Amino acid sequence: MDKPIGIFLLLWPSFLGLLLAGLETSIEFKNILIVIVGSILVRSCGCVINDISDYKFDRLVKRTAKRPIATGDVSLLEAWLFFIFLSFLSLSLLFLTPSLTLKISALCALLIAIYPMAKRFIKAPQFVLGITFGSGVVISYSLQSDIFSLSLLILYLGVVAWIISFDTFYALEDIEDDKKIGVNSSAILWGSNAITIAKYLHYIFYASLALVAYINEFSLFFIPVMIVLVAMQHYQMNLVADKKYLDSFKFNNWIGIVSVIGFISEVYIF
């Protein structure tokens, strides 16, 4: 909770999915709370299982060497007990949701457990992360509607591309350490092309927002929203050019906020 960027980067895509459903149905306040609490719990579960899986590697990387399991402040037993506790809370929350949401969430839970190991066996584990985090779009949408649309598919694919993009920038921060300890990442796989590919993946996300706006006949207000987003991407790329990879990663929080504001405006104002 003291470093909530991971929670926010799960929350904003999830809100986009909920708001997309809100174009056709009235969003229940209960579902807004479920998305918020669910994002906190699921991100926390993922954080704990990731630290359990990576604690030996974390000790070898300067940025992660002070994580609680790596330092011994938290034992593996304590970490597993805490993970089970958080999982229980997450499962309890799902009992407040439709059966479809429960089924989709069960599949996502499996992906969350698999992701930490993906870094050992998959050349670009960011794709697994994108599919997993991006599932928040589908889960939150299913809270309001069981009729999946073309817009939902477009938004989901766009969000997956966005997540792969910003997590590639995140991976660039640790690329030298990852090479030494043998951990895979899209930054290593794509090499000198990593920044260019991540940039275009980000624009795929923007294209998905624009296409969803077109299909659903959004108001003209969404045009300045898209202009602001493009300007924000330009700023992000300046951070990348200055090798401020962690700052560029965190800046996606603001990109998510502006995207959500754009969708909120279409649901509740225009």
Protein backbone atom coordinates (compact mmCIF):
# COMPACT_ATOMS: atom_id res chain seq x y z
CA MET A 1 0.00 0.00 0.00
CA ASP A 2 2.94 2.37 0.51
CA LYS A 3 3.91 1.89 -3.16
CA PRO A 4 0.49 1.75 -4.84
CA ILE A 5 1.59 2.14 -8.47
CA GLY A 6 0.97 -1.56 -9.17
CA ILE A 7 -2.52 -1.29 -7.70
CA PHE A 8 -3.31 1.77 -9.83
CA LEU A 9 -2.05 0.10 -13.01
CA LEU A 10 -4.48 -2.76 -12.34
CA LEU A 11 -7.31 -0.47 -11.20
CA TRP A 12 -7.48 1.86 -14.22
CA PRO A 13 -7.83 -0.89 -16.87
CA SER A 14 -10.45 -2.55 -14.66
CA PHE A 15 -12.38 0.71 -14.44
CA LEU A 16 -12.24 1.02 -18.22
CA GLY A 17 -13.94 -2.37 -18.52
CA LEU A 18 -16.61 -1.45 -15.95
CA LEU A 19 -17.27 1.89 -17.64
CA LEU A 20 -17.53 0.22 -21.04
CA ALA A 21 -20.34 -1.92 -19.67
CA GLY A 22 -21.80 1.26 -18.18
CA LEU A 23 -22.47 2.59 -21.68
CA GLU A 24 -25.36 0.11 -21.87
CA THR A 25 -26.34 -0.43 -18.23
CA SER A 26 -26.42 1.61 -15.04
CA ILE A 27 -23.30 0.85 -13.00
CA GLU A 28 -24.09 -0.35 -9.49
CA PHE A 29 -22.14 1.32 -6.67
CA LYS A 30 -21.47 -2.13 -5.24
CA ASN A 31 -19.55 -3.05 -8.39
CA ILE A 32 -17.41 0.07 -8.16
CA LEU A 33 -16.39 -0.96 -4.65
CA ILE A 34 -15.72 -4.53 -5.79
CA VAL A 35 -13.37 -3.27 -8.52
CA ILE A 36 -11.48 -1.02 -6.09
CA VAL A 37 -11.14 -3.58 -3.28
CA GLY A 38 -10.49 -6.37 -5.77
CA SER A 39 -7.64 -4.43 -7.39
CA ILE A 40 -6.00 -3.90 -4.01
CA LEU A 41 -6.35 -7.55 -2.96
CA VAL A 42 -5.37 -9.11 -6.30
CA ARG A 43 -2.35 -6.87 -6.76
CA SER A 44 -1.29 -7.65 -3.19
CA CYS A 45 -1.66 -11.40 -3.81
CA GLY A 46 0.45 -11.09 -6.94
CA CYS A 47 3.06 -9.07 -5.08
CA VAL A 48 3.41 -11.67 -2.33
CA ILE A 49 3.62 -14.69 -4.63
CA ASN A 50 6.12 -12.82 -6.81
CA ASP A 51 8.32 -12.04 -3.80
CA ILE A 52 8.13 -15.65 -2.64
CA SER A 53 9.20 -16.86 -6.06
CA ASP A 54 11.93 -14.26 -6.59
CA TYR A 55 13.48 -13.72 -3.17
CA LYS A 56 16.78 -15.36 -4.16
CA PHE A 57 17.01 -13.21 -7.28
CA ASP A 58 15.86 -10.10 -5.41
CA ARG A 59 18.93 -10.31 -3.19
CA LEU A 60 21.12 -9.91 -6.29
CA VAL A 61 19.40 -6.82 -7.69
CA LYS A 62 20.06 -3.43 -6.09
CA ARG A 63 16.48 -2.14 -6.60
CA THR A 64 14.87 -5.21 -5.01
CA ALA A 65 17.49 -6.21 -2.42
CA LYS A 66 15.51 -4.62 0.42
CA ARG A 67 12.26 -6.48 -0.24
CA PRO A 68 11.09 -8.10 3.04
CA ILE A 69 11.66 -11.77 2.15
CA ALA A 70 15.00 -11.02 0.52
CA THR A 71 16.22 -9.30 3.69
CA GLY A 72 14.75 -11.92 6.01
CA ASP A 73 12.38 -9.45 7.70
CA VAL A 74 9.55 -11.75 6.61
CA SER A 75 10.01 -15.52 6.57
CA LEU A 76 8.77 -17.75 3.76
CA LEU A 77 6.22 -19.28 6.14
CA GLU A 78 4.90 -15.87 7.10
CA ALA A 79 4.73 -14.89 3.42
CA TRP A 80 2.77 -18.03 2.51
CA LEU A 81 0.36 -17.49 5.40
CA PHE A 82 -0.18 -13.89 4.32
CA PHE A 83 -0.74 -15.02 0.72
CA ILE A 84 -3.35 -17.54 1.86
CA PHE A 85 -5.05 -14.83 3.95
CA LEU A 86 -5.18 -12.41 1.00
CA SER A 87 -6.42 -15.19 -1.29
CA PHE A 88 -9.21 -15.97 1.17
CA LEU A 89 -10.27 -12.32 1.19
CA SER A 90 -10.19 -12.23 -2.62
CA LEU A 91 -12.30 -15.38 -2.83
CA SER A 92 -14.77 -13.98 -0.31
CA LEU A 93 -15.16 -10.89 -2.48
CA LEU A 94 -15.97 -13.07 -5.50
CA PHE A 95 -19.03 -14.50 -3.72
CA LEU A 96 -20.57 -11.04 -4.18
CA THR A 97 -20.22 -11.29 -7.96
CA PRO A 98 -22.13 -13.09 -10.76
CA SER A 99 -21.16 -16.69 -11.54
CA LEU A 100 -19.55 -15.61 -14.84
CA THR A 101 -17.24 -13.23 -13.00
CA LEU A 102 -16.33 -16.03 -10.59
CA LYS A 103 -15.36 -18.35 -13.46
CA ILE A 104 -13.26 -15.73 -15.27
CA SER A 105 -11.54 -14.75 -12.01
CA ALA A 106 -10.63 -18.38 -11.28
CA LEU A 107 -8.75 -18.56 -14.58
CA CYS A 108 -7.00 -15.26 -13.84
CA ALA A 109 -5.97 -16.53 -10.40
CA LEU A 110 -4.12 -19.36 -12.13
CA LEU A 111 -2.32 -16.86 -14.36
CA ILE A 112 -1.29 -14.80 -11.32
CA ALA A 113 0.27 -17.89 -9.77
CA ILE A 114 2.04 -18.81 -13.02
CA TYR A 115 3.48 -15.36 -13.83
CA PRO A 116 6.42 -15.37 -11.36
CA MET A 117 7.71 -18.60 -12.92
CA ALA A 118 7.14 -17.31 -16.44
CA LYS A 119 10.26 -15.17 -16.12
CA ARG A 120 12.34 -18.36 -16.03
CA PHE A 121 10.85 -20.09 -19.06
CA ILE A 122 9.24 -17.50 -21.36
CA LYS A 123 11.41 -15.07 -23.32
CA ALA A 124 8.91 -12.22 -22.90
CA PRO A 125 6.99 -12.76 -19.62
CA GLN A 126 5.48 -9.30 -20.11
CA PHE A 127 2.97 -11.01 -22.41
CA VAL A 128 1.81 -13.19 -19.51
CA LEU A 129 1.56 -10.11 -17.32
CA GLY A 130 -0.40 -8.28 -20.01
CA ILE A 131 -2.90 -11.10 -20.38
CA THR A 132 -3.23 -11.39 -16.59
CA PHE A 133 -3.53 -7.70 -15.67
CA GLY A 134 -5.59 -7.02 -18.79
CA SER A 135 -8.12 -9.58 -17.62
CA GLY A 136 -9.28 -6.96 -15.15
CA VAL A 137 -11.06 -5.35 -18.12
CA VAL A 138 -13.10 -8.50 -18.77
CA ILE A 139 -13.71 -9.28 -15.09
CA SER A 140 -15.04 -5.82 -14.28
CA TYR A 141 -17.14 -5.76 -17.46
CA SER A 142 -18.72 -9.08 -16.47
CA LEU A 143 -19.90 -7.53 -13.20
CA GLN A 144 -22.40 -5.49 -15.21
CA SER A 145 -23.00 -7.49 -18.37
CA ASP A 146 -22.77 -11.06 -19.66
CA ILE A 147 -23.03 -9.98 -23.30
CA PHE A 148 -19.48 -9.67 -24.57
CA SER A 149 -19.09 -7.18 -27.42
CA LEU A 150 -16.56 -6.31 -30.11
CA SER A 151 -15.74 -3.18 -28.11
CA LEU A 152 -14.73 -5.32 -25.13
CA LEU A 153 -12.39 -7.43 -27.27
CA ILE A 154 -10.80 -4.32 -28.80
CA LEU A 155 -10.35 -2.69 -25.39
CA TYR A 156 -8.90 -5.87 -23.88
CA LEU A 157 -6.32 -6.27 -26.67
CA GLY A 158 -5.42 -2.60 -26.41
CA VAL A 159 -4.93 -2.80 -22.65
CA VAL A 160 -2.76 -5.93 -23.04
CA ALA A 161 -0.56 -4.00 -25.50
CA TRP A 162 -0.39 -1.06 -23.05
CA ILE A 163 0.67 -3.29 -20.16
CA ILE A 164 3.38 -5.00 -22.24
CA SER A 165 4.58 -1.54 -23.25
CA PHE A 166 4.94 0.01 -19.81
CA ASP A 167 6.31 -3.19 -18.26
CA THR A 168 8.98 -3.26 -20.96
CA PHE A 169 10.06 0.20 -19.80
CA TYR A 170 10.07 -1.17 -16.25
CA ALA A 171 12.25 -4.09 -17.37
CA LEU A 172 14.76 -1.69 -18.94
CA GLU A 173 15.51 -0.41 -15.42
CA ASP A 174 16.85 -3.85 -14.42
CA ILE A 175 18.10 -5.13 -17.76
CA GLU A 176 21.75 -5.49 -16.77
CA ASP A 177 20.95 -7.29 -13.52
CA ASP A 178 18.42 -9.53 -15.30
CA LYS A 179 21.06 -10.54 -17.85
CA LYS A 180 23.50 -11.47 -15.08
CA ILE A 181 21.07 -13.61 -13.11
CA GLY A 182 19.35 -15.18 -16.12
CA VAL A 183 15.86 -13.68 -15.83
CA ASN A 184 13.99 -13.13 -19.10
CA SER A 185 12.21 -9.96 -20.21
CA SER A 186 10.90 -8.31 -23.35
CA ALA A 187 13.61 -5.66 -22.90
CA ILE A 188 16.29 -8.34 -23.28
CA LEU A 189 14.48 -10.20 -26.06
CA TRP A 190 13.94 -7.11 -28.22
CA GLY A 191 17.34 -5.59 -27.45
CA SER A 192 17.96 -2.30 -29.22
CA ASN A 193 14.41 -2.38 -30.63
CA ALA A 194 12.75 -2.61 -27.20
CA ILE A 195 11.94 1.09 -26.88
CA THR A 196 10.57 1.33 -30.43
CA ILE A 197 8.38 -1.75 -30.04
CA ALA A 198 7.10 -0.57 -26.64
CA LYS A 199 6.24 2.81 -28.16
CA TYR A 200 4.15 1.25 -30.93
CA LEU A 201 2.44 -1.09 -28.47
CA HIS A 202 1.44 2.00 -26.52
CA TYR A 203 -0.08 3.51 -29.66
CA ILE A 204 -2.03 0.28 -30.20
CA PHE A 205 -3.65 1.01 -26.83
CA TYR A 206 -4.55 4.52 -28.00
CA ALA A 207 -5.89 3.12 -31.27
CA SER A 208 -8.11 0.73 -29.31
CA LEU A 209 -9.53 3.63 -27.27
CA ALA A 210 -10.22 5.59 -30.44
CA LEU A 211 -11.88 2.59 -32.10
CA VAL A 212 -14.06 1.92 -29.05
CA ALA A 213 -15.01 5.60 -29.07
CA TYR A 214 -15.96 5.39 -32.76
CA ILE A 215 -17.99 2.18 -32.40
CA ASN A 216 -19.89 3.53 -29.40
CA GLU A 217 -20.38 7.02 -30.88
CA PHE A 218 -18.55 8.91 -28.15
CA SER A 219 -19.01 12.69 -28.02
CA LEU A 220 -16.59 15.24 -29.47
CA PHE A 221 -15.23 15.70 -25.94
CA PHE A 222 -13.25 12.50 -26.36
CA ILE A 223 -11.13 14.11 -29.11
CA PRO A 224 -9.32 16.48 -26.70
CA VAL A 225 -8.96 13.53 -24.31
CA MET A 226 -7.09 11.63 -27.04
CA ILE A 227 -4.97 14.71 -27.83
CA VAL A 228 -3.96 14.95 -24.16
CA LEU A 229 -3.09 11.24 -24.15
CA VAL A 230 -0.87 11.62 -27.22
CA ALA A 231 0.89 14.57 -25.56
CA MET A 232 1.39 12.46 -22.43
CA GLN A 233 2.92 9.68 -24.50
CA HIS A 234 5.34 12.23 -25.99
CA TYR A 235 6.35 13.23 -22.45
CA GLN A 236 6.76 9.59 -21.48
CA MET A 237 9.08 8.98 -24.42
CA ASN A 238 11.19 11.95 -23.33
CA LEU A 239 11.60 10.26 -19.95
CA VAL A 240 12.65 7.06 -21.74
CA ALA A 241 15.12 9.01 -23.90
CA ASP A 242 16.68 10.31 -20.66
CA LYS A 243 16.82 6.68 -19.42
CA LYS A 244 14.40 7.47 -16.62
CA TYR A 245 12.74 4.11 -17.14
CA LEU A 246 11.16 3.80 -13.70
CA ASP A 247 9.69 7.30 -13.95
CA SER A 248 8.27 6.52 -17.39
CA PHE A 249 6.71 3.35 -15.98
CA LYS A 250 5.09 5.23 -13.10
CA PHE A 251 3.84 7.95 -15.44
CA ASN A 252 1.37 5.44 -16.90
CA ASN A 253 -0.69 5.98 -13.76
CA TRP A 254 -1.60 9.42 -15.14
CA ILE A 255 -2.28 7.99 -18.59
CA GLY A 256 -4.70 5.56 -16.95
CA ILE A 257 -6.39 8.35 -14.99
CA VAL A 258 -6.97 10.48 -18.10
CA SER A 259 -8.31 7.45 -20.02
CA VAL A 260 -10.76 6.70 -17.20
CA ILE A 261 -11.85 10.34 -16.99
CA GLY A 262 -12.61 10.20 -20.71
CA PHE A 263 -14.78 7.12 -20.27
CA ILE A 264 -16.50 8.55 -17.16
CA SER A 265 -17.46 11.63 -19.16
CA GLU A 266 -19.09 9.51 -21.84
CA VAL A 267 -21.01 7.40 -19.31
CA TYR A 268 -22.24 10.11 -16.97
CA ILE A 269 -22.09 13.46 -18.81
CA PHE A 270 -22.42 13.22 -22.58
